[in-house]
Structure formats: C-alpha cells, structure tokens
Amino acid sequence: KVRLVDWPKKRTTVVLGYKDVYAAADNVPEVCKSKPIGLEGMDDVLISNMKKKNLHPKSIAMLPEGKGWLLCEFGGETKEESNAKAPTLMEQLSRQPDPPNMKLFIDEQETLLVWKARESGLGATSQVPGEPEAWEGWEDAAVSPEKLGEYLRALHRLLDKYGYHCALYGHFGDACVHMRINFDLVT
C-alpha cells in the first residue's frame, strides 16, 4: 500500500525523548494521530556508536534526555503553518502518565543539525571502535505500527538469548526498523 504525501515547503521538528526505544515505539500510534510527515526513531545504542566514532556531537547534544527518541516532522506551505502543528502534539503527549521529554526545533539550521543524528544511522552502525563487526541482512524489518514496541522487545530477547546486539533506528512511523546485527560471519 502506498501513501503519497505533499512535499511541504517548510518544516518543523519535535524530538521526543523516552526512557528507552521500546517506550518510544509504544507511543508511535499516538504520535501518528498528529499526522506528521515524518516519524523516525533511534535508540541509545546508535547514539553510543556515534559518540565512539565522533559523529555529529553537536546533533547528539541537542537531543532531549532519553534512551530512545522519536523525531517528528511537520510540514506546511509556510513556517507558521508547520510551527502550528507541533504544539498540539506536545500538549497531547504532556497529558500522558509518563510523558516524553520534548524539544521543539523551529530554526531551520538547528532542525537540519538535529536530523544529522538520525541520518547517521548507517555510518554509526558500521565498524564501531571496540565492537565486533555488524552485518546487513535484517535491514528493513517491519510490522504494523501498533505492534512495534512488542516486536522490538521480542527481537531483543531473541538477540540476547544468542549473545547478539545491535542498534535500532528507522522509519518508526511506518514501523520499518533498520539494524546491523553482530553475527559472527568470520569464524
């Protein structure tokens, strides 16, 4: 199924910080009700890898507190239109029992900078210093958005059972997750 969306001229981003990537994934259906034009997710392992590789330290510093993040992008024909959509989501989420930490990015340069963290996913998972090599092969795992948190928990239990680990990032609004797993394909 394909869903075509307009390519808005102006954009505004809200970054949500959660206690972990599972809580972020659990909140995807609620965030999607606000109809963002983009909803990306990433975990603390990805950020740790970025730090080890010294990738985009300014972008990392801009993230709200958390160990799992959602980057929600809103669009409009004008900056005022895109800016107006973000506070509605923030107000809605602030009423949850355990609301995420939230940071609104209106300035275009800051917005581009914070997106560098998510865009660095592929580079941050390849050849991480002090870590075993991680491999492609599970790059686009996908489930329905309502099941994303449950899926990621079950996947991590399976990985833990066999001593594997990986960073998680991807198009969480579509529940499409990217990862490189440290399978031992050498010995």
C-alpha atoms as a PDB file:
ATOM      1  CA  LYS A   1       0.000   0.000   0.000  1.00  0.00           C
ATOM      2  CA  VAL A   2       1.430   3.376  -0.976  1.00  0.00           C
ATOM      3  CA  ARG A   3       0.526   6.648   0.700  1.00  0.00           C
ATOM      4  CA  LEU A   4       1.560   9.741  -1.212  1.00  0.00           C
ATOM      5  CA  VAL A   5       2.128  12.921   0.756  1.00  0.00           C
ATOM      6  CA  ASP A   6       2.721  16.510  -0.262  1.00  0.00           C
ATOM      7  CA  TRP A   7       6.273  17.814  -0.165  1.00  0.00           C
ATOM      8  CA  PRO A   8       5.809  20.884   2.037  1.00  0.00           C
ATOM      9  CA  LYS A   9       7.992  23.928   1.619  1.00  0.00           C
ATOM     10  CA  LYS A  10       8.543  24.490   5.340  1.00  0.00           C
ATOM     11  CA  ARG A  11       9.190  22.054   8.172  1.00  0.00           C
ATOM     12  CA  THR A  12       9.190  21.978  11.959  1.00  0.00           C
ATOM     13  CA  THR A  13      10.558  19.156  14.119  1.00  0.00           C
ATOM     14  CA  VAL A  14       9.708  17.951  17.607  1.00  0.00           C
ATOM     15  CA  VAL A  15      12.131  15.464  19.163  1.00  0.00           C
ATOM     16  CA  LEU A  16      10.696  13.217  21.864  1.00  0.00           C
ATOM     17  CA  GLY A  17      12.973  11.511  24.410  1.00  0.00           C
ATOM     18  CA  TYR A  18      11.759   8.322  26.110  1.00  0.00           C
ATOM     19  CA  LYS A  19      13.149   6.051  28.839  1.00  0.00           C
ATOM     20  CA  ASP A  20      14.019   3.516  26.107  1.00  0.00           C
ATOM     21  CA  VAL A  21      13.383   2.681  22.466  1.00  0.00           C
ATOM     22  CA  TYR A  22      10.508   0.369  23.442  1.00  0.00           C
ATOM     23  CA  ALA A  23       8.580   3.200  25.106  1.00  0.00           C
ATOM     24  CA  ALA A  24       9.225   5.319  22.016  1.00  0.00           C
ATOM     25  CA  ALA A  25       7.903   2.524  19.792  1.00  0.00           C
ATOM     26  CA  ASP A  26       4.863   2.023  22.038  1.00  0.00           C
ATOM     27  CA  ASN A  27       3.974   5.701  21.560  1.00  0.00           C
ATOM     28  CA  VAL A  28       4.161   5.636  17.728  1.00  0.00           C
ATOM     29  CA  PRO A  29       0.416   5.090  17.162  1.00  0.00           C
ATOM     30  CA  GLU A  30      -0.419   8.032  19.428  1.00  0.00           C
ATOM     31  CA  VAL A  31       2.139  10.318  17.745  1.00  0.00           C
ATOM     32  CA  CYS A  32       0.858   9.286  14.301  1.00  0.00           C
ATOM     33  CA  LYS A  33      -2.571  10.710  15.176  1.00  0.00           C
ATOM     34  CA  SER A  34      -0.995  14.171  14.810  1.00  0.00           C
ATOM     35  CA  LYS A  35      -0.227  13.304  11.170  1.00  0.00           C
ATOM     36  CA  PRO A  36       3.488  14.111  10.988  1.00  0.00           C
ATOM     37  CA  ILE A  37       5.023  13.992   7.528  1.00  0.00           C
ATOM     38  CA  GLY A  38       7.958  12.079   9.005  1.00  0.00           C
ATOM     39  CA  LEU A  39       8.396   9.985  12.145  1.00  0.00           C
ATOM     40  CA  GLU A  40      11.833   8.483  12.688  1.00  0.00           C
ATOM     41  CA  GLY A  41      13.154   6.586  15.688  1.00  0.00           C
ATOM     42  CA  MET A  42      16.510   5.640  17.166  1.00  0.00           C
ATOM     43  CA  ASP A  43      17.921   4.060  20.298  1.00  0.00           C
ATOM     44  CA  ASP A  44      20.710   4.809  22.745  1.00  0.00           C
ATOM     45  CA  VAL A  45      22.988   2.172  21.174  1.00  0.00           C
ATOM     46  CA  LEU A  46      23.005   4.197  17.948  1.00  0.00           C
ATOM     47  CA  ILE A  47      23.889   7.350  19.901  1.00  0.00           C
ATOM     48  CA  SER A  48      26.621   5.477  21.805  1.00  0.00           C
ATOM     49  CA  ASN A  49      28.070   4.274  18.486  1.00  0.00           C
ATOM     50  CA  MET A  50      28.005   7.833  17.158  1.00  0.00           C
ATOM     51  CA  LYS A  51      29.931   9.013  20.218  1.00  0.00           C
ATOM     52  CA  LYS A  52      32.548   6.264  19.761  1.00  0.00           C
ATOM     53  CA  LYS A  53      33.001   7.377  16.147  1.00  0.00           C
ATOM     54  CA  ASN A  54      32.785  11.088  16.983  1.00  0.00           C
ATOM     55  CA  LEU A  55      29.888  11.544  14.557  1.00  0.00           C
ATOM     56  CA  HIS A  56      27.853  14.737  14.911  1.00  0.00           C
ATOM     57  CA  PRO A  57      28.473  15.566  18.591  1.00  0.00           C
ATOM     58  CA  LYS A  58      26.510  18.831  18.230  1.00  0.00           C
ATOM     59  CA  SER A  59      23.480  16.906  16.967  1.00  0.00           C
ATOM     60  CA  ILE A  60      23.651  14.474  19.879  1.00  0.00           C
ATOM     61  CA  ALA A  61      23.893  17.345  22.365  1.00  0.00           C
ATOM     62  CA  MET A  62      20.630  18.785  21.006  1.00  0.00           C
ATOM     63  CA  LEU A  63      18.559  15.686  21.792  1.00  0.00           C
ATOM     64  CA  PRO A  64      16.240  15.817  24.798  1.00  0.00           C
ATOM     65  CA  GLU A  65      17.021  13.497  27.699  1.00  0.00           C
ATOM     66  CA  GLY A  66      16.247   9.863  26.961  1.00  0.00           C
ATOM     67  CA  LYS A  67      17.470   6.495  25.711  1.00  0.00           C
ATOM     68  CA  GLY A  68      15.022   6.231  22.819  1.00  0.00           C
ATOM     69  CA  TRP A  69      13.921   9.062  20.542  1.00  0.00           C
ATOM     70  CA  LEU A  70      11.255   9.910  18.013  1.00  0.00           C
ATOM     71  CA  LEU A  71      11.887  12.727  15.548  1.00  0.00           C
ATOM     72  CA  CYS A  72       8.504  14.076  14.423  1.00  0.00           C
ATOM     73  CA  GLU A  73       8.460  16.335  11.390  1.00  0.00           C
ATOM     74  CA  PHE A  74       5.521  18.571  10.466  1.00  0.00           C
ATOM     75  CA  GLY A  75       5.166  20.441   7.214  1.00  0.00           C
ATOM     76  CA  GLY A  76       3.301  23.365   5.753  1.00  0.00           C
ATOM     77  CA  GLU A  77       3.309  25.887   2.957  1.00  0.00           C
ATOM     78  CA  THR A  78       4.573  28.491   5.443  1.00  0.00           C
ATOM     79  CA  LYS A  79       6.727  28.282   8.557  1.00  0.00           C
ATOM     80  CA  GLU A  80       3.768  29.485  10.614  1.00  0.00           C
ATOM     81  CA  GLU A  81       1.669  26.577   9.310  1.00  0.00           C
ATOM     82  CA  SER A  82       4.305  23.935  10.119  1.00  0.00           C
ATOM     83  CA  ASN A  83       5.056  25.529  13.515  1.00  0.00           C
ATOM     84  CA  ALA A  84       1.385  25.491  14.500  1.00  0.00           C
ATOM     85  CA  LYS A  85       1.137  21.680  14.333  1.00  0.00           C
ATOM     86  CA  ALA A  86       3.908  20.827  16.794  1.00  0.00           C
ATOM     87  CA  PRO A  87       2.455  22.378  19.990  1.00  0.00           C
ATOM     88  CA  THR A  88      -0.737  20.357  19.546  1.00  0.00           C
ATOM     89  CA  LEU A  89       1.256  17.117  19.692  1.00  0.00           C
ATOM     90  CA  MET A  90       3.346  18.362  22.613  1.00  0.00           C
ATOM     91  CA  GLU A  91       0.249  19.322  24.622  1.00  0.00           C
ATOM     92  CA  GLN A  92      -1.387  15.964  23.892  1.00  0.00           C
ATOM     93  CA  LEU A  93       1.715  13.998  24.948  1.00  0.00           C
ATOM     94  CA  SER A  94       2.241  16.079  28.091  1.00  0.00           C
ATOM     95  CA  ARG A  95      -1.072  14.705  29.427  1.00  0.00           C
ATOM     96  CA  GLN A  96       0.167  11.087  29.266  1.00  0.00           C
ATOM     97  CA  PRO A  97       1.000   9.332  32.569  1.00  0.00           C
ATOM     98  CA  ASP A  98       4.722   9.177  31.683  1.00  0.00           C
ATOM     99  CA  PRO A  99       5.231  11.895  29.068  1.00  0.00           C
ATOM    100  CA  PRO A 100       8.380  12.018  26.958  1.00  0.00           C
ATOM    101  CA  ASN A 101      10.931  14.793  27.226  1.00  0.00           C
ATOM    102  CA  MET A 102      10.205  17.140  24.344  1.00  0.00           C
ATOM    103  CA  LYS A 103      12.207  19.652  22.380  1.00  0.00           C
ATOM    104  CA  LEU A 104      10.802  21.830  19.604  1.00  0.00           C
ATOM    105  CA  PHE A 105      13.040  22.854  16.700  1.00  0.00           C
ATOM    106  CA  ILE A 106      11.772  25.836  14.739  1.00  0.00           C
ATOM    107  CA  ASP A 107      15.068  27.282  13.481  1.00  0.00           C
ATOM    108  CA  GLU A 108      15.918  25.708  10.114  1.00  0.00           C
ATOM    109  CA  GLN A 109      19.646  25.337  10.836  1.00  0.00           C
ATOM    110  CA  GLU A 110      19.017  23.676  14.213  1.00  0.00           C
ATOM    111  CA  THR A 111      16.453  21.405  12.586  1.00  0.00           C
ATOM    112  CA  LEU A 112      18.944  20.266   9.948  1.00  0.00           C
ATOM    113  CA  LEU A 113      21.553  19.711  12.645  1.00  0.00           C
ATOM    114  CA  VAL A 114      19.345  17.554  14.903  1.00  0.00           C
ATOM    115  CA  TRP A 115      18.340  15.388  11.915  1.00  0.00           C
ATOM    116  CA  LYS A 116      22.042  14.542  11.376  1.00  0.00           C
ATOM    117  CA  ALA A 117      21.800  12.178  14.353  1.00  0.00           C
ATOM    118  CA  ARG A 118      19.134  10.037  12.672  1.00  0.00           C
ATOM    119  CA  GLU A 119      20.643  10.328   9.193  1.00  0.00           C
ATOM    120  CA  SER A 120      23.928   8.917  10.527  1.00  0.00           C
ATOM    121  CA  GLY A 121      22.351   5.539  11.297  1.00  0.00           C
ATOM    122  CA  LEU A 122      24.114   3.529   8.618  1.00  0.00           C
ATOM    123  CA  GLY A 123      27.525   5.085   9.253  1.00  0.00           C
ATOM    124  CA  ALA A 124      27.136   4.793  13.021  1.00  0.00           C
ATOM    125  CA  THR A 125      26.495   1.031  12.860  1.00  0.00           C
ATOM    126  CA  SER A 126      29.406   0.093  10.622  1.00  0.00           C
ATOM    127  CA  GLN A 127      32.868  -0.634  12.024  1.00  0.00           C
ATOM    128  CA  VAL A 128      32.319   0.757  15.513  1.00  0.00           C
ATOM    129  CA  PRO A 129      35.570   1.001  17.513  1.00  0.00           C
ATOM    130  CA  GLY A 130      35.776  -1.686  20.197  1.00  0.00           C
ATOM    131  CA  GLU A 131      32.732  -3.550  18.868  1.00  0.00           C
ATOM    132  CA  PRO A 132      32.522  -6.700  16.762  1.00  0.00           C
ATOM    133  CA  GLU A 133      31.595  -6.222  13.115  1.00  0.00           C
ATOM    134  CA  ALA A 134      27.861  -5.884  12.492  1.00  0.00           C
ATOM    135  CA  TRP A 135      26.264  -7.090   9.282  1.00  0.00           C
ATOM    136  CA  GLU A 136      23.429  -6.184   6.982  1.00  0.00           C
ATOM    137  CA  GLY A 137      20.679  -8.694   6.454  1.00  0.00           C
ATOM    138  CA  TRP A 138      17.959  -7.535   8.806  1.00  0.00           C
ATOM    139  CA  GLU A 139      17.897  -4.001   7.477  1.00  0.00           C
ATOM    140  CA  ASP A 140      14.182  -3.456   6.934  1.00  0.00           C
ATOM    141  CA  ALA A 141      12.254  -5.470   9.498  1.00  0.00           C
ATOM    142  CA  ALA A 142       8.669  -4.226   9.574  1.00  0.00           C
ATOM    143  CA  VAL A 143       5.459  -4.852  11.495  1.00  0.00           C
ATOM    144  CA  SER A 144       2.292  -2.823  11.931  1.00  0.00           C
ATOM    145  CA  PRO A 145       2.941   0.341  13.981  1.00  0.00           C
ATOM    146  CA  GLU A 146       0.698  -0.862  16.828  1.00  0.00           C
ATOM    147  CA  LYS A 147       2.990  -3.857  17.336  1.00  0.00           C
ATOM    148  CA  LEU A 148       6.343  -2.088  17.044  1.00  0.00           C
ATOM    149  CA  GLY A 149       7.164  -1.899  20.777  1.00  0.00           C
ATOM    150  CA  GLU A 150       6.169  -5.531  21.335  1.00  0.00           C
ATOM    151  CA  TYR A 151       8.180  -6.613  18.271  1.00  0.00           C
ATOM    152  CA  LEU A 152      11.343  -4.788  19.389  1.00  0.00           C
ATOM    153  CA  ARG A 153      11.120  -6.291  22.881  1.00  0.00           C
ATOM    154  CA  ALA A 154      10.725  -9.821  21.460  1.00  0.00           C
ATOM    155  CA  LEU A 155      13.549  -9.235  18.979  1.00  0.00           C
ATOM    156  CA  HIS A 156      15.886  -8.097  21.765  1.00  0.00           C
ATOM    157  CA  ARG A 157      15.001 -11.143  23.873  1.00  0.00           C
ATOM    158  CA  LEU A 158      15.903 -13.345  20.892  1.00  0.00           C
ATOM    159  CA  LEU A 159      19.163 -11.464  20.261  1.00  0.00           C
ATOM    160  CA  ASP A 160      20.076 -11.633  23.971  1.00  0.00           C
ATOM    161  CA  LYS A 161      19.401 -15.374  24.010  1.00  0.00           C
ATOM    162  CA  TYR A 162      22.152 -15.880  21.422  1.00  0.00           C
ATOM    163  CA  GLY A 163      24.525 -13.150  22.599  1.00  0.00           C
ATOM    164  CA  TYR A 164      23.916 -10.715  19.721  1.00  0.00           C
ATOM    165  CA  HIS A 165      23.299  -6.996  19.843  1.00  0.00           C
ATOM    166  CA  CYS A 166      22.548  -4.122  17.510  1.00  0.00           C
ATOM    167  CA  ALA A 167      21.487  -0.509  17.288  1.00  0.00           C
ATOM    168  CA  LEU A 168      17.895   0.197  16.269  1.00  0.00           C
ATOM    169  CA  TYR A 169      16.819   3.087  14.078  1.00  0.00           C
ATOM    170  CA  GLY A 170      14.454   3.657  11.220  1.00  0.00           C
ATOM    171  CA  HIS A 171      11.127   4.842   9.929  1.00  0.00           C
ATOM    172  CA  PHE A 172       9.142   4.214  13.094  1.00  0.00           C
ATOM    173  CA  GLY A 173       6.013   5.906  11.731  1.00  0.00           C
ATOM    174  CA  ASP A 174       5.878   3.072   9.198  1.00  0.00           C
ATOM    175  CA  ALA A 175       7.283   0.598  11.770  1.00  0.00           C
ATOM    176  CA  CYS A 176      10.238  -0.141   9.473  1.00  0.00           C
ATOM    177  CA  VAL A 177      13.375  -0.753  11.542  1.00  0.00           C
ATOM    178  CA  HIS A 178      16.981  -0.846  10.384  1.00  0.00           C
ATOM    179  CA  MET A 179      19.675  -2.765  12.225  1.00  0.00           C
ATOM    180  CA  ARG A 180      23.021  -4.423  11.711  1.00  0.00           C
ATOM    181  CA  ILE A 181      23.494  -7.447  13.935  1.00  0.00           C
ATOM    182  CA  ASN A 182      26.902  -8.622  15.156  1.00  0.00           C
ATOM    183  CA  PHE A 183      26.609 -12.120  13.691  1.00  0.00           C
ATOM    184  CA  ASP A 184      29.958 -13.939  13.653  1.00  0.00           C
ATOM    185  CA  LEU A 185      30.270 -14.457   9.915  1.00  0.00           C
ATOM    186  CA  VAL A 186      34.076 -14.667  10.020  1.00  0.00           C
ATOM    187  CA  THR A 187      34.841 -17.733  12.151  1.00  0.00           C
END
